[in-house]
Amino acid sequence: MIKHTNTKHSSGEAEGEITSVVNRRLFLRSAGLATSLGTIVIAAGCKDDDDPIPGTGDAVDLGSGDIGVLNYAYALEQLEAAFYTQVIQTPYNGMTDAEKTILTDIRDHEIVHRDFFKAALADKAIKGLTPNFDSIDFTKRDAVLGAAKLFEDTGVAAYNGAGKLIKNPNYLLLAGKIVSVEARHASVIRDLINPKSADFAGDDIIDMNGMDKAIAPADILMAVKGYVKDTISGPNVGK
């Protein structure tokens, strides 16, 4: 089962800021992310007013620089949160109590991640995306866990690939905290599919040096475009 770690904020003021933006109960289940919210909100608020505001055209433009990277992560977290919310709302046939507990925990993590980015980006955030899960049969265990494996592996590779584009060290720290949680998700999903095997860190995702894959934003957006109805544009992410 996925464990949760409660964290304490550095000051009452920081905690007040966090709880006013995102549900506090979810932040206490966020695997250590809550302590970073005050920093990232302040840093995002200090961006120049001339920075482009994403999502103002026919396509959803992620924006540029670090804001573009954060919106890129926000888009992926929206997709994952929507997926796991659907999984729990319409459990697949034969879902065990243990599986439901694990998948519920993952859902709650992804909701925290999504709401975290939305709050941090404030008026720089892209709009809420509309998922397209028509290709997934949510009544079948293999289909759901197969999709979960795809989303989690993609999420880890996406954060790894975007890390080098991040200029603000606070954002890089945040990305490191989140990708570690996503990797835990990926491992537990793989174990549900193939219990007690070495597939939790299979050679399809880990290279000969023991490193996870790192995939560029353009390739990730191409890979997930079939799962979202909006057209996402990110040519300037990290630039």
Protein backbone atom coordinates (compact mmCIF):
# COMPACT_ATOMS: atom_id res chain seq x y z
CA MET A 1 0.00 0.00 0.00
CA ILE A 2 1.19 3.50 -0.72
CA LYS A 3 2.08 5.33 2.47
CA HIS A 4 1.50 9.01 3.13
CA THR A 5 3.77 11.37 5.03
CA ASN A 6 2.46 14.39 6.89
CA THR A 7 4.65 17.49 6.70
CA LYS A 8 4.90 20.68 8.78
CA HIS A 9 5.11 24.10 7.23
CA SER A 10 7.87 26.53 8.12
CA SER A 11 5.45 29.14 9.45
CA GLY A 12 1.80 29.69 10.22
CA GLU A 13 1.68 32.24 7.44
CA ALA A 14 2.86 29.70 4.84
CA GLU A 15 0.31 27.17 6.04
CA GLY A 16 -2.45 29.75 5.85
CA GLU A 17 -1.53 30.55 2.27
CA ILE A 18 -1.60 26.88 1.32
CA THR A 19 -4.90 26.09 2.96
CA SER A 20 -6.57 29.10 1.35
CA VAL A 21 -5.74 27.80 -2.13
CA VAL A 22 -6.03 24.02 -2.02
CA ASN A 23 -7.93 21.66 0.25
CA ARG A 24 -5.72 21.03 3.29
CA ARG A 25 -6.71 17.41 3.68
CA LEU A 26 -5.33 16.62 0.23
CA PHE A 27 -2.09 18.43 0.97
CA LEU A 28 -1.57 16.31 4.05
CA ARG A 29 -1.71 13.31 1.68
CA SER A 30 0.68 14.84 -0.84
CA ALA A 31 3.90 12.94 -0.06
CA GLY A 32 5.80 16.04 1.04
CA LEU A 33 4.78 18.56 -1.62
CA ALA A 34 2.89 20.97 0.64
CA THR A 35 6.01 22.60 2.07
CA SER A 36 7.01 23.86 -1.38
CA LEU A 37 3.77 25.62 -2.30
CA GLY A 38 4.50 28.93 -0.57
CA THR A 39 7.84 29.23 -2.38
CA ILE A 40 6.53 28.37 -5.82
CA VAL A 41 3.49 30.64 -5.57
CA ILE A 42 5.68 33.58 -4.59
CA ALA A 43 8.20 32.83 -7.35
CA ALA A 44 5.47 32.52 -9.99
CA GLY A 45 3.93 35.77 -8.80
CA CYS A 46 7.25 37.56 -9.30
CA LYS A 47 7.35 36.86 -13.03
CA ASP A 48 7.26 39.89 -15.32
CA ASP A 49 3.80 41.06 -16.36
CA ASP A 50 4.92 40.85 -19.98
CA ASP A 51 5.24 37.05 -19.88
CA PRO A 52 2.79 35.36 -22.26
CA ILE A 53 -0.35 33.97 -20.67
CA PRO A 54 -0.87 30.44 -22.06
CA GLY A 55 -4.12 29.05 -23.40
CA THR A 56 -5.43 32.19 -25.12
CA GLY A 57 -5.65 30.83 -28.69
CA ASP A 58 -7.54 28.03 -30.44
CA ALA A 59 -4.84 25.62 -29.24
CA VAL A 60 -3.73 25.43 -25.61
CA ASP A 61 -0.32 27.13 -25.57
CA LEU A 62 1.77 26.02 -22.61
CA GLY A 63 3.86 29.19 -22.70
CA SER A 64 7.60 29.71 -22.44
CA GLY A 65 10.41 29.40 -19.93
CA ASP A 66 9.77 27.89 -16.52
CA ILE A 67 6.08 28.82 -16.75
CA GLY A 68 5.86 26.66 -19.86
CA VAL A 69 7.47 23.75 -18.03
CA LEU A 70 5.07 24.10 -15.10
CA ASN A 71 2.09 24.24 -17.45
CA TYR A 72 3.44 21.16 -19.23
CA ALA A 73 3.50 19.32 -15.90
CA TYR A 74 0.06 20.71 -15.04
CA ALA A 75 -1.37 19.35 -18.30
CA LEU A 76 -0.01 15.86 -17.60
CA GLU A 77 -1.26 15.91 -14.02
CA GLN A 78 -4.72 16.93 -15.24
CA LEU A 79 -4.75 13.88 -17.49
CA GLU A 80 -3.63 11.49 -14.76
CA ALA A 81 -6.04 12.90 -12.17
CA ALA A 82 -8.96 12.56 -14.59
CA PHE A 83 -7.98 9.00 -15.45
CA TYR A 84 -7.76 7.74 -11.87
CA THR A 85 -10.92 9.61 -10.90
CA GLN A 86 -12.75 7.66 -13.62
CA VAL A 87 -11.13 4.40 -12.47
CA ILE A 88 -12.49 4.83 -8.95
CA GLN A 89 -15.89 6.11 -10.09
CA THR A 90 -16.39 3.06 -12.33
CA PRO A 91 -14.32 0.21 -10.86
CA TYR A 92 -13.33 -2.50 -13.30
CA ASN A 93 -14.84 -5.96 -12.95
CA GLY A 94 -13.26 -7.91 -10.12
CA MET A 95 -11.38 -4.99 -8.55
CA THR A 96 -10.21 -6.15 -5.12
CA ASP A 97 -10.29 -4.04 -1.98
CA ALA A 98 -6.48 -3.89 -2.00
CA GLU A 99 -6.43 -2.72 -5.62
CA LYS A 100 -9.08 -0.09 -4.92
CA THR A 101 -7.06 1.22 -1.97
CA ILE A 102 -3.90 1.52 -4.08
CA LEU A 103 -5.67 3.15 -7.00
CA THR A 104 -7.52 5.54 -4.69
CA ASP A 105 -4.23 6.60 -3.11
CA ILE A 106 -2.75 7.23 -6.57
CA ARG A 107 -5.85 9.22 -7.55
CA ASP A 108 -5.48 11.39 -4.45
CA HIS A 109 -1.80 12.02 -5.20
CA GLU A 110 -2.57 13.04 -8.77
CA ILE A 111 -5.34 15.38 -7.64
CA VAL A 112 -2.91 17.02 -5.23
CA HIS A 113 -0.33 17.41 -8.00
CA ARG A 114 -2.93 18.90 -10.37
CA ASP A 115 -4.32 21.36 -7.83
CA PHE A 116 -0.82 22.25 -6.70
CA PHE A 117 0.23 23.39 -10.17
CA LYS A 118 -3.05 25.21 -10.75
CA ALA A 119 -2.63 27.18 -7.54
CA ALA A 120 1.05 27.87 -8.13
CA LEU A 121 0.57 29.10 -11.69
CA ALA A 122 -2.44 31.25 -10.79
CA ASP A 123 -3.38 33.39 -13.82
CA LYS A 124 -0.54 31.86 -15.84
CA ALA A 125 -2.20 28.44 -15.75
CA ILE A 126 -3.66 26.86 -18.86
CA LYS A 127 -7.35 26.05 -18.86
CA GLY A 128 -8.79 22.81 -17.60
CA LEU A 129 -8.27 20.18 -20.30
CA THR A 130 -10.92 17.78 -21.58
CA PRO A 131 -9.70 14.17 -21.47
CA ASN A 132 -10.52 11.62 -24.15
CA PHE A 133 -10.57 8.11 -22.71
CA ASP A 134 -12.78 6.56 -25.38
CA SER A 135 -10.08 4.02 -26.23
CA ILE A 136 -9.97 2.66 -22.67
CA ASP A 137 -12.44 0.00 -21.53
CA PHE A 138 -12.82 0.91 -17.86
CA THR A 139 -14.71 -2.33 -17.17
CA LYS A 140 -11.63 -4.49 -17.85
CA ARG A 141 -8.73 -4.82 -15.43
CA ASP A 142 -6.11 -5.37 -18.13
CA ALA A 143 -7.21 -2.28 -20.05
CA VAL A 144 -7.21 -0.04 -16.99
CA LEU A 145 -3.90 -1.21 -15.58
CA GLY A 146 -2.34 -1.13 -19.04
CA ALA A 147 -3.40 2.50 -19.42
CA ALA A 148 -2.19 3.29 -15.90
CA LYS A 149 1.20 1.78 -16.74
CA LEU A 150 1.40 3.93 -19.87
CA PHE A 151 0.46 7.13 -18.03
CA GLU A 152 2.84 6.53 -15.13
CA ASP A 153 5.82 5.51 -17.27
CA THR A 154 5.13 8.50 -19.53
CA GLY A 155 4.89 10.81 -16.53
CA VAL A 156 8.26 9.73 -15.14
CA ALA A 157 9.96 10.08 -18.54
CA ALA A 158 8.30 13.49 -19.00
CA TYR A 159 9.58 14.93 -15.72
CA ASN A 160 13.04 13.51 -16.39
CA GLY A 161 13.08 15.04 -19.86
CA ALA A 162 11.88 18.44 -18.69
CA GLY A 163 14.26 18.70 -15.74
CA LYS A 164 17.12 20.10 -17.79
CA LEU A 165 14.86 22.87 -19.08
CA ILE A 166 14.05 24.26 -15.64
CA LYS A 167 16.01 27.36 -14.66
CA ASN A 168 14.58 28.12 -11.21
CA PRO A 169 16.15 25.76 -8.62
CA ASN A 170 12.95 25.80 -6.54
CA TYR A 171 11.02 24.46 -9.50
CA LEU A 172 13.68 21.81 -10.10
CA LEU A 173 13.39 20.68 -6.48
CA LEU A 174 9.63 20.50 -6.86
CA ALA A 175 9.91 18.43 -10.04
CA GLY A 176 12.29 16.05 -8.27
CA LYS A 177 9.81 15.54 -5.44
CA ILE A 178 6.96 14.84 -7.84
CA VAL A 179 8.83 12.53 -10.22
CA SER A 180 9.84 10.34 -7.28
CA VAL A 181 6.17 9.93 -6.38
CA GLU A 182 5.28 9.18 -10.01
CA ALA A 183 8.00 6.52 -10.08
CA ARG A 184 6.46 4.90 -7.00
CA HIS A 185 3.13 4.86 -8.81
CA ALA A 186 4.74 3.29 -11.88
CA SER A 187 6.32 0.55 -9.77
CA VAL A 188 3.15 -0.40 -7.91
CA ILE A 189 1.08 -0.48 -11.13
CA ARG A 190 3.66 -2.79 -12.72
CA ASP A 191 3.53 -5.01 -9.65
CA LEU A 192 -0.27 -5.22 -9.89
CA ILE A 193 0.07 -6.33 -13.51
CA ASN A 194 2.90 -8.80 -12.90
CA PRO A 195 3.24 -9.50 -9.15
CA LYS A 196 6.58 -10.38 -7.58
CA SER A 197 8.50 -9.98 -10.82
CA ALA A 198 11.42 -7.79 -11.85
CA ASP A 199 9.07 -5.80 -14.09
CA PHE A 200 8.68 -3.08 -11.45
CA ALA A 201 11.93 -1.72 -12.91
CA GLY A 202 11.96 -3.44 -16.28
CA ASP A 203 14.59 -2.91 -18.97
CA ASP A 204 11.93 -1.22 -21.10
CA ILE A 205 12.16 1.80 -18.78
CA ILE A 206 15.58 1.42 -17.13
CA ASP A 207 18.75 1.53 -19.22
CA MET A 208 22.03 -0.36 -18.76
CA ASN A 209 23.28 2.34 -16.38
CA GLY A 210 20.27 1.96 -14.11
CA MET A 211 18.77 5.24 -15.33
CA ASP A 212 15.14 6.00 -16.10
CA LYS A 213 14.18 7.24 -19.55
CA ALA A 214 14.11 11.00 -20.17
CA ILE A 215 11.86 12.10 -23.04
CA ALA A 216 11.52 15.61 -24.48
CA PRO A 217 8.22 17.52 -24.08
CA ALA A 218 7.46 17.48 -27.83
CA ASP A 219 7.60 13.67 -27.91
CA ILE A 220 5.53 13.32 -24.74
CA LEU A 221 2.83 15.65 -26.06
CA MET A 222 2.68 13.61 -29.26
CA ALA A 223 2.36 10.39 -27.25
CA VAL A 224 -0.56 11.60 -25.11
CA LYS A 225 -2.48 13.66 -27.68
CA GLY A 226 -4.93 10.82 -28.26
CA TYR A 227 -6.03 11.03 -24.64
CA VAL A 228 -7.01 14.70 -24.61
CA LYS A 229 -9.54 16.51 -26.80
CA ASP A 230 -7.69 19.82 -26.67
CA THR A 231 -4.77 20.59 -28.97
CA ILE A 232 -1.76 21.29 -26.79
CA SER A 233 1.05 23.41 -28.19
CA GLY A 234 4.41 23.63 -26.42
CA PRO A 235 7.14 24.74 -28.82
CA ASN A 236 8.56 27.25 -26.34
CA VAL A 237 8.51 25.12 -23.18
CA GLY A 238 11.73 25.81 -21.31
CA LYS A 239 12.90 28.48 -23.79
